[in-house]
Structures are given as C-alpha cells and as structure tokens.
C-alpha cells in the first residue's frame, strides 16, 4: 500500500458567526458539499517505546496494514500517537512530519489510521503498557465538507472554539508544496485566514497544560 500524506492548513474561526459564514459559503458553491457530522474524542500520547508498542499492536493489525505501519514508524519524524473515538468507531492514529512543522499540528504529515476492534480504553491501555503517557484528551464536534477534491472541516473544539481545517491528501511527498499552495489559494477564496504555526503551537501547549478544564466541555480560551 502506498504512503498517505496529509497536507493540512488550519484557520481559527473563533465563534459561531464565523463558522456559519464559512458553512454558507461552502454550500453556496456546491449544495452537495456537506458530507457528515459527528462527535469525536482524541487522546494524545507522549513518551513511550515505539518498538515495544509495535510488537504489541502487530498482533491485532491485519497483515495488509503491517507495511504502512512499519513505514511511518521507521521513516517518520516527530511521531505523534493518538487514539480516537468517532461516534463509537475506535481508530489508532499515527502522524509524522515530513517538513519542519510538528507532527501534532504541522502542515505536511505522513498519516496512518486503522479502525480497531476494541474499546477506546483497551486501545489506550496498549499504549500505556508500552510506556506511553497521556499528553492530553480532546473533544470536538466536526462537520465535514468537500470542495474540488479538498476536505474541509468545521470543528467546534473544547478549548479552541471553532476551527476550520483545509486538507488535501497526496501519495508522494514531492507534491507537498503544490498542495500547500492550492490550499492557501482556496482559503483565500473563502476568506479563511491561515492560523500561524507559532500561535497554534502556543494554543496547543496551553491546552496540554490545562486540558482537564476543557475536555468534554464547551469552555474556550484565547492565546495570542
């Protein structure tokens, strides 16, 4: 299976009014742009022993996914491991950067996802048993749209408030710069301002330090 690369740029919408403005702009261009809406829990992990986790997870991953898993673990930089519950679907997610941004929030990333036949707690325990620790737990409501081959989501995040993500999936790292430019052009069309990486990192750090005040709530904060 070929590698999957995720090129993603975020825009901080803040409040419901700005989210609705983007929502209406998307539907004005294409009444069939809306794809789905769901609730999601994301648990981020830090530390741990990837080799030990690899031994544990390979026994429950189908053979067809072993190569993709090994590729991202062996070749990715700044690997970010997380577990996800999307309306009851439990997913193992691993992201790794392919540029100078981070794997947690960066623009260009390798990505591995696989739906697991276990509960979120059971998957978490596999990671915890390999020495990983919780970095933070996140909760959000997500609306998904598609426009000209670009995946666009409008998220209502605990902590951040409303956030839009513009994402293009590619199969070769050499296409990354072209994809970034296409996303920025599309964002300009919709009047969505790119969230600067340094501010995003400050927001991420603040949430990680205070996530228990926000997880599962509608509480928000502002970090400039």
C-alpha atoms as a PDB file:
ATOM      1  CA  UNK A   1       0.000   0.000   0.000  1.00  0.00           C
ATOM      2  CA  UNK A   2       1.390   3.451  -0.913  1.00  0.00           C
ATOM      3  CA  UNK A   3       2.124   6.013   1.769  1.00  0.00           C
ATOM      4  CA  UNK A   4      -0.500   8.589   2.587  1.00  0.00           C
ATOM      5  CA  UNK A   5       0.493  12.214   3.151  1.00  0.00           C
ATOM      6  CA  UNK A   6      -1.823  14.757   4.697  1.00  0.00           C
ATOM      7  CA  UNK A   7      -1.391  18.433   3.770  1.00  0.00           C
ATOM      8  CA  UNK A   8      -3.495  20.461   6.179  1.00  0.00           C
ATOM      9  CA  UNK A   9      -3.814  24.163   6.974  1.00  0.00           C
ATOM     10  CA  UNK A  10      -5.926  25.463   9.857  1.00  0.00           C
ATOM     11  CA  UNK A  11      -7.939  28.658  10.240  1.00  0.00           C
ATOM     12  CA  UNK A  12      -9.153  29.857  13.645  1.00  0.00           C
ATOM     13  CA  UNK A  13     -12.791  30.871  13.230  1.00  0.00           C
ATOM     14  CA  UNK A  14     -13.449  31.551  16.902  1.00  0.00           C
ATOM     15  CA  UNK A  15     -17.207  31.975  17.120  1.00  0.00           C
ATOM     16  CA  UNK A  16     -20.372  30.503  15.634  1.00  0.00           C
ATOM     17  CA  UNK A  17     -20.942  33.535  13.382  1.00  0.00           C
ATOM     18  CA  UNK A  18     -17.669  32.990  11.532  1.00  0.00           C
ATOM     19  CA  UNK A  19     -18.320  29.250  11.338  1.00  0.00           C
ATOM     20  CA  UNK A  20     -21.745  29.893   9.811  1.00  0.00           C
ATOM     21  CA  UNK A  21     -20.239  32.311   7.283  1.00  0.00           C
ATOM     22  CA  UNK A  22     -17.838  29.625   6.039  1.00  0.00           C
ATOM     23  CA  UNK A  23     -20.572  26.987   6.133  1.00  0.00           C
ATOM     24  CA  UNK A  24     -22.854  29.074   3.910  1.00  0.00           C
ATOM     25  CA  UNK A  25     -20.011  29.916   1.511  1.00  0.00           C
ATOM     26  CA  UNK A  26     -19.250  26.221   1.055  1.00  0.00           C
ATOM     27  CA  UNK A  27     -22.889  25.337   0.406  1.00  0.00           C
ATOM     28  CA  UNK A  28     -23.364  28.300  -1.939  1.00  0.00           C
ATOM     29  CA  UNK A  29     -20.616  26.936  -4.183  1.00  0.00           C
ATOM     30  CA  UNK A  30     -21.962  23.379  -4.006  1.00  0.00           C
ATOM     31  CA  UNK A  31     -25.187  22.366  -2.294  1.00  0.00           C
ATOM     32  CA  UNK A  32     -23.825  18.795  -2.079  1.00  0.00           C
ATOM     33  CA  UNK A  33     -20.595  19.861  -0.332  1.00  0.00           C
ATOM     34  CA  UNK A  34     -21.752  18.608   3.077  1.00  0.00           C
ATOM     35  CA  UNK A  35     -20.514  15.086   3.851  1.00  0.00           C
ATOM     36  CA  UNK A  36     -21.108  14.262   7.516  1.00  0.00           C
ATOM     37  CA  UNK A  37     -21.313  15.469  11.099  1.00  0.00           C
ATOM     38  CA  UNK A  38     -20.145  13.599  14.190  1.00  0.00           C
ATOM     39  CA  UNK A  39     -18.659  13.815  17.681  1.00  0.00           C
ATOM     40  CA  UNK A  40     -15.078  12.822  18.316  1.00  0.00           C
ATOM     41  CA  UNK A  41     -12.747  12.126  21.225  1.00  0.00           C
ATOM     42  CA  UNK A  42      -8.996  12.240  20.607  1.00  0.00           C
ATOM     43  CA  UNK A  43      -6.434  11.062  23.163  1.00  0.00           C
ATOM     44  CA  UNK A  44      -2.856  12.234  22.521  1.00  0.00           C
ATOM     45  CA  UNK A  45       0.120  10.344  23.937  1.00  0.00           C
ATOM     46  CA  UNK A  46       3.734  11.226  24.658  1.00  0.00           C
ATOM     47  CA  UNK A  47       6.918   9.345  25.552  1.00  0.00           C
ATOM     48  CA  UNK A  48       6.717   5.582  25.332  1.00  0.00           C
ATOM     49  CA  UNK A  49       8.618   2.897  23.478  1.00  0.00           C
ATOM     50  CA  UNK A  50       7.547   2.664  19.826  1.00  0.00           C
ATOM     51  CA  UNK A  51       9.378  -0.627  19.332  1.00  0.00           C
ATOM     52  CA  UNK A  52       7.549  -2.188  22.280  1.00  0.00           C
ATOM     53  CA  UNK A  53       4.214  -0.798  21.080  1.00  0.00           C
ATOM     54  CA  UNK A  54       4.917  -2.130  17.570  1.00  0.00           C
ATOM     55  CA  UNK A  55       5.322  -5.646  18.970  1.00  0.00           C
ATOM     56  CA  UNK A  56       2.012  -5.372  20.805  1.00  0.00           C
ATOM     57  CA  UNK A  57      -0.025  -3.779  18.018  1.00  0.00           C
ATOM     58  CA  UNK A  58       1.153  -6.017  15.159  1.00  0.00           C
ATOM     59  CA  UNK A  59      -0.750  -8.965  16.630  1.00  0.00           C
ATOM     60  CA  UNK A  60      -4.056  -7.107  16.275  1.00  0.00           C
ATOM     61  CA  UNK A  61      -3.381  -5.337  12.963  1.00  0.00           C
ATOM     62  CA  UNK A  62      -4.209  -7.217   9.746  1.00  0.00           C
ATOM     63  CA  UNK A  63      -1.169  -8.260   7.702  1.00  0.00           C
ATOM     64  CA  UNK A  64      -2.224  -5.875   4.931  1.00  0.00           C
ATOM     65  CA  UNK A  65      -1.525  -2.907   7.254  1.00  0.00           C
ATOM     66  CA  UNK A  66       1.862  -4.010   8.604  1.00  0.00           C
ATOM     67  CA  UNK A  67       3.889  -2.354   5.835  1.00  0.00           C
ATOM     68  CA  UNK A  68       2.174   1.027   6.192  1.00  0.00           C
ATOM     69  CA  UNK A  69       2.560   0.925   9.977  1.00  0.00           C
ATOM     70  CA  UNK A  70       6.250  -0.017   9.774  1.00  0.00           C
ATOM     71  CA  UNK A  71       6.891   2.678   7.157  1.00  0.00           C
ATOM     72  CA  UNK A  72       5.629   5.569   9.265  1.00  0.00           C
ATOM     73  CA  UNK A  73       7.322   4.287  12.432  1.00  0.00           C
ATOM     74  CA  UNK A  74      10.647   3.790  10.621  1.00  0.00           C
ATOM     75  CA  UNK A  75      10.681   6.855   8.356  1.00  0.00           C
ATOM     76  CA  UNK A  76       8.549   9.497  10.054  1.00  0.00           C
ATOM     77  CA  UNK A  77       9.926  12.419  12.062  1.00  0.00           C
ATOM     78  CA  UNK A  78       8.488  13.720  15.348  1.00  0.00           C
ATOM     79  CA  UNK A  79       5.921  10.935  15.541  1.00  0.00           C
ATOM     80  CA  UNK A  80       2.584  11.706  17.226  1.00  0.00           C
ATOM     81  CA  UNK A  81       0.472   8.801  18.505  1.00  0.00           C
ATOM     82  CA  UNK A  82      -3.190   9.149  19.386  1.00  0.00           C
ATOM     83  CA  UNK A  83      -6.394   7.154  19.788  1.00  0.00           C
ATOM     84  CA  UNK A  84      -9.778   8.277  18.514  1.00  0.00           C
ATOM     85  CA  UNK A  85     -13.448   7.566  19.136  1.00  0.00           C
ATOM     86  CA  UNK A  86     -15.640   8.780  16.274  1.00  0.00           C
ATOM     87  CA  UNK A  87     -19.244   8.064  17.228  1.00  0.00           C
ATOM     88  CA  UNK A  88     -18.187   4.647  18.561  1.00  0.00           C
ATOM     89  CA  UNK A  89     -15.617   3.795  15.870  1.00  0.00           C
ATOM     90  CA  UNK A  90     -12.236   3.290  17.581  1.00  0.00           C
ATOM     91  CA  UNK A  91      -9.224   4.307  15.496  1.00  0.00           C
ATOM     92  CA  UNK A  92      -5.465   4.177  16.014  1.00  0.00           C
ATOM     93  CA  UNK A  93      -3.864   7.292  14.513  1.00  0.00           C
ATOM     94  CA  UNK A  94      -0.161   7.899  13.937  1.00  0.00           C
ATOM     95  CA  UNK A  95       1.123  11.080  12.322  1.00  0.00           C
ATOM     96  CA  UNK A  96       4.697  12.035  11.454  1.00  0.00           C
ATOM     97  CA  UNK A  97       6.028  15.256   9.950  1.00  0.00           C
ATOM     98  CA  UNK A  98       7.652  15.440   6.513  1.00  0.00           C
ATOM     99  CA  UNK A  99       8.581  19.127   6.798  1.00  0.00           C
ATOM    100  CA  UNK A 100       9.853  21.398   9.565  1.00  0.00           C
ATOM    101  CA  UNK A 101       6.494  21.716  11.331  1.00  0.00           C
ATOM    102  CA  UNK A 102       5.320  19.364  14.070  1.00  0.00           C
ATOM    103  CA  UNK A 103       3.541  16.053  13.640  1.00  0.00           C
ATOM    104  CA  UNK A 104       0.796  17.171  16.036  1.00  0.00           C
ATOM    105  CA  UNK A 105      -0.226  20.325  14.173  1.00  0.00           C
ATOM    106  CA  UNK A 106       2.066  20.624  11.160  1.00  0.00           C
ATOM    107  CA  UNK A 107       1.128  21.373   7.567  1.00  0.00           C
ATOM    108  CA  UNK A 108       2.739  18.347   5.833  1.00  0.00           C
ATOM    109  CA  UNK A 109       2.444  14.948   7.511  1.00  0.00           C
ATOM    110  CA  UNK A 110       2.552  11.214   6.898  1.00  0.00           C
ATOM    111  CA  UNK A 111      -0.513   9.533   8.331  1.00  0.00           C
ATOM    112  CA  UNK A 112      -1.541   6.049   9.435  1.00  0.00           C
ATOM    113  CA  UNK A 113      -5.099   5.272  10.532  1.00  0.00           C
ATOM    114  CA  UNK A 114      -6.743   1.944  11.268  1.00  0.00           C
ATOM    115  CA  UNK A 115     -10.104   1.134  12.832  1.00  0.00           C
ATOM    116  CA  UNK A 116      -9.618  -1.233  15.769  1.00  0.00           C
ATOM    117  CA  UNK A 117     -11.906  -3.963  17.085  1.00  0.00           C
ATOM    118  CA  UNK A 118     -11.651  -2.884  20.723  1.00  0.00           C
ATOM    119  CA  UNK A 119     -12.819  -0.144  23.048  1.00  0.00           C
ATOM    120  CA  UNK A 120     -11.057   3.200  23.403  1.00  0.00           C
ATOM    121  CA  UNK A 121      -9.923   2.227  26.906  1.00  0.00           C
ATOM    122  CA  UNK A 122      -8.481  -1.065  25.632  1.00  0.00           C
ATOM    123  CA  UNK A 123      -6.515   0.687  22.897  1.00  0.00           C
ATOM    124  CA  UNK A 124      -5.306   3.301  25.374  1.00  0.00           C
ATOM    125  CA  UNK A 125      -4.089   0.545  27.681  1.00  0.00           C
ATOM    126  CA  UNK A 126      -1.967  -0.950  24.872  1.00  0.00           C
ATOM    127  CA  UNK A 127      -0.134   2.355  24.626  1.00  0.00           C
ATOM    128  CA  UNK A 128       0.098   2.876  28.376  1.00  0.00           C
ATOM    129  CA  UNK A 129       1.557  -0.630  28.770  1.00  0.00           C
ATOM    130  CA  UNK A 130       4.311   0.321  26.303  1.00  0.00           C
ATOM    131  CA  UNK A 131       5.365   3.252  28.475  1.00  0.00           C
ATOM    132  CA  UNK A 132       3.296   5.997  26.849  1.00  0.00           C
ATOM    133  CA  UNK A 133       1.544   8.640  28.947  1.00  0.00           C
ATOM    134  CA  UNK A 134      -1.453  10.846  28.229  1.00  0.00           C
ATOM    135  CA  UNK A 135      -0.402  14.175  26.781  1.00  0.00           C
ATOM    136  CA  UNK A 136      -3.973  15.461  26.619  1.00  0.00           C
ATOM    137  CA  UNK A 137      -7.530  14.419  25.836  1.00  0.00           C
ATOM    138  CA  UNK A 138      -9.524  16.406  23.267  1.00  0.00           C
ATOM    139  CA  UNK A 139     -13.214  16.545  22.374  1.00  0.00           C
ATOM    140  CA  UNK A 140     -14.946  18.141  19.411  1.00  0.00           C
ATOM    141  CA  UNK A 141     -17.937  18.182  17.099  1.00  0.00           C
ATOM    142  CA  UNK A 142     -16.931  18.026  13.439  1.00  0.00           C
ATOM    143  CA  UNK A 143     -18.724  18.889  10.195  1.00  0.00           C
ATOM    144  CA  UNK A 144     -17.071  17.607   7.009  1.00  0.00           C
ATOM    145  CA  UNK A 145     -17.347  19.146   3.544  1.00  0.00           C
ATOM    146  CA  UNK A 146     -15.662  18.509   0.186  1.00  0.00           C
ATOM    147  CA  UNK A 147     -14.787  21.158  -2.400  1.00  0.00           C
ATOM    148  CA  UNK A 148     -12.841  20.377  -5.597  1.00  0.00           C
ATOM    149  CA  UNK A 149     -11.018  17.435  -4.050  1.00  0.00           C
ATOM    150  CA  UNK A 150     -10.207  19.290  -0.824  1.00  0.00           C
ATOM    151  CA  UNK A 151     -11.555  18.063   2.512  1.00  0.00           C
ATOM    152  CA  UNK A 152     -12.794  20.950   4.640  1.00  0.00           C
ATOM    153  CA  UNK A 153     -13.900  20.521   8.229  1.00  0.00           C
ATOM    154  CA  UNK A 154     -15.531  22.939  10.641  1.00  0.00           C
ATOM    155  CA  UNK A 155     -14.774  21.870  14.190  1.00  0.00           C
ATOM    156  CA  UNK A 156     -16.258  23.026  17.471  1.00  0.00           C
ATOM    157  CA  UNK A 157     -13.366  22.211  19.781  1.00  0.00           C
ATOM    158  CA  UNK A 158     -13.217  22.202  23.540  1.00  0.00           C
ATOM    159  CA  UNK A 159     -10.696  24.929  24.324  1.00  0.00           C
ATOM    160  CA  UNK A 160     -10.134  26.357  20.838  1.00  0.00           C
ATOM    161  CA  UNK A 161     -13.711  27.144  19.872  1.00  0.00           C
ATOM    162  CA  UNK A 162     -14.467  26.966  16.145  1.00  0.00           C
ATOM    163  CA  UNK A 163     -11.608  25.926  13.882  1.00  0.00           C
ATOM    164  CA  UNK A 164     -11.568  25.120  10.152  1.00  0.00           C
ATOM    165  CA  UNK A 165      -9.180  22.654   8.548  1.00  0.00           C
ATOM    166  CA  UNK A 166      -8.433  22.564   4.822  1.00  0.00           C
ATOM    167  CA  UNK A 167      -6.860  19.234   3.872  1.00  0.00           C
ATOM    168  CA  UNK A 168      -5.549  17.609   0.719  1.00  0.00           C
ATOM    169  CA  UNK A 169      -4.331  14.000   0.738  1.00  0.00           C
ATOM    170  CA  UNK A 170      -1.433  13.116  -1.583  1.00  0.00           C
ATOM    171  CA  UNK A 171       0.553   9.934  -2.227  1.00  0.00           C
ATOM    172  CA  UNK A 172       4.001  11.468  -2.798  1.00  0.00           C
ATOM    173  CA  UNK A 173       5.934  13.891  -0.600  1.00  0.00           C
ATOM    174  CA  UNK A 174       7.123  15.682  -3.752  1.00  0.00           C
ATOM    175  CA  UNK A 175       3.581  17.019  -4.230  1.00  0.00           C
ATOM    176  CA  UNK A 176       3.534  18.758  -0.826  1.00  0.00           C
ATOM    177  CA  UNK A 177       4.465  22.308  -1.877  1.00  0.00           C
ATOM    178  CA  UNK A 178       1.992  22.299  -4.760  1.00  0.00           C
ATOM    179  CA  UNK A 179      -0.757  21.085  -2.425  1.00  0.00           C
ATOM    180  CA  UNK A 180       0.046  23.797   0.154  1.00  0.00           C
ATOM    181  CA  UNK A 181      -0.253  26.498  -2.496  1.00  0.00           C
ATOM    182  CA  UNK A 182      -3.565  25.087  -3.716  1.00  0.00           C
ATOM    183  CA  UNK A 183      -4.949  25.063  -0.170  1.00  0.00           C
ATOM    184  CA  UNK A 184      -3.849  28.636   0.535  1.00  0.00           C
ATOM    185  CA  UNK A 185      -5.447  29.801  -2.698  1.00  0.00           C
ATOM    186  CA  UNK A 186      -8.724  28.077  -1.816  1.00  0.00           C
ATOM    187  CA  UNK A 187      -8.669  29.515   1.699  1.00  0.00           C
ATOM    188  CA  UNK A 188      -8.300  32.980   0.192  1.00  0.00           C
ATOM    189  CA  UNK A 189     -11.375  32.333  -1.936  1.00  0.00           C
ATOM    190  CA  UNK A 190     -13.400  31.618   1.206  1.00  0.00           C
ATOM    191  CA  UNK A 191     -11.841  34.427   3.248  1.00  0.00           C
ATOM    192  CA  UNK A 192     -10.267  31.981   5.711  1.00  0.00           C
ATOM    193  CA  UNK A 193      -7.092  33.310   7.330  1.00  0.00           C
ATOM    194  CA  UNK A 194      -4.292  30.802   7.945  1.00  0.00           C
ATOM    195  CA  UNK A 195      -3.561  30.202  11.620  1.00  0.00           C
ATOM    196  CA  UNK A 196       0.149  30.863  12.142  1.00  0.00           C
ATOM    197  CA  UNK A 197       2.131  27.826  13.260  1.00  0.00           C
ATOM    198  CA  UNK A 198       3.740  29.639  16.201  1.00  0.00           C
ATOM    199  CA  UNK A 199       0.360  30.714  17.579  1.00  0.00           C
ATOM    200  CA  UNK A 200      -1.043  27.228  17.010  1.00  0.00           C
ATOM    201  CA  UNK A 201       1.855  25.762  18.975  1.00  0.00           C
ATOM    202  CA  UNK A 202       1.173  28.176  21.865  1.00  0.00           C
ATOM    203  CA  UNK A 203      -2.502  27.197  21.847  1.00  0.00           C
ATOM    204  CA  UNK A 204      -1.576  23.511  21.763  1.00  0.00           C
ATOM    205  CA  UNK A 205       0.852  23.901  24.671  1.00  0.00           C
ATOM    206  CA  UNK A 206      -1.706  25.812  26.753  1.00  0.00           C
ATOM    207  CA  UNK A 207      -4.376  23.174  26.156  1.00  0.00           C
ATOM    208  CA  UNK A 208      -1.982  20.345  27.003  1.00  0.00           C
ATOM    209  CA  UNK A 209      -1.203  22.010  30.334  1.00  0.00           C
ATOM    210  CA  UNK A 210      -4.867  22.647  31.162  1.00  0.00           C
ATOM    211  CA  UNK A 211      -6.866  20.033  29.251  1.00  0.00           C
ATOM    212  CA  UNK A 212      -8.788  18.759  32.267  1.00  0.00           C
ATOM    213  CA  UNK A 213     -10.588  22.134  32.413  1.00  0.00           C
ATOM    214  CA  UNK A 214     -11.796  21.797  28.812  1.00  0.00           C
ATOM    215  CA  UNK A 215     -12.161  18.130  27.790  1.00  0.00           C
ATOM    216  CA  UNK A 216     -15.827  17.274  27.282  1.00  0.00           C
ATOM    217  CA  UNK A 217     -16.963  20.876  27.869  1.00  0.00           C
ATOM    218  CA  UNK A 218     -17.734  23.955  25.761  1.00  0.00           C
ATOM    219  CA  UNK A 219     -15.189  26.054  27.649  1.00  0.00           C
ATOM    220  CA  UNK A 220     -12.794  28.030  25.439  1.00  0.00           C
ATOM    221  CA  UNK A 221      -9.671  30.166  25.814  1.00  0.00           C
ATOM    222  CA  UNK A 222      -7.772  32.730  23.747  1.00  0.00           C
ATOM    223  CA  UNK A 223      -3.998  32.597  23.310  1.00  0.00           C
ATOM    224  CA  UNK A 224      -2.432  35.203  21.018  1.00  0.00           C
END
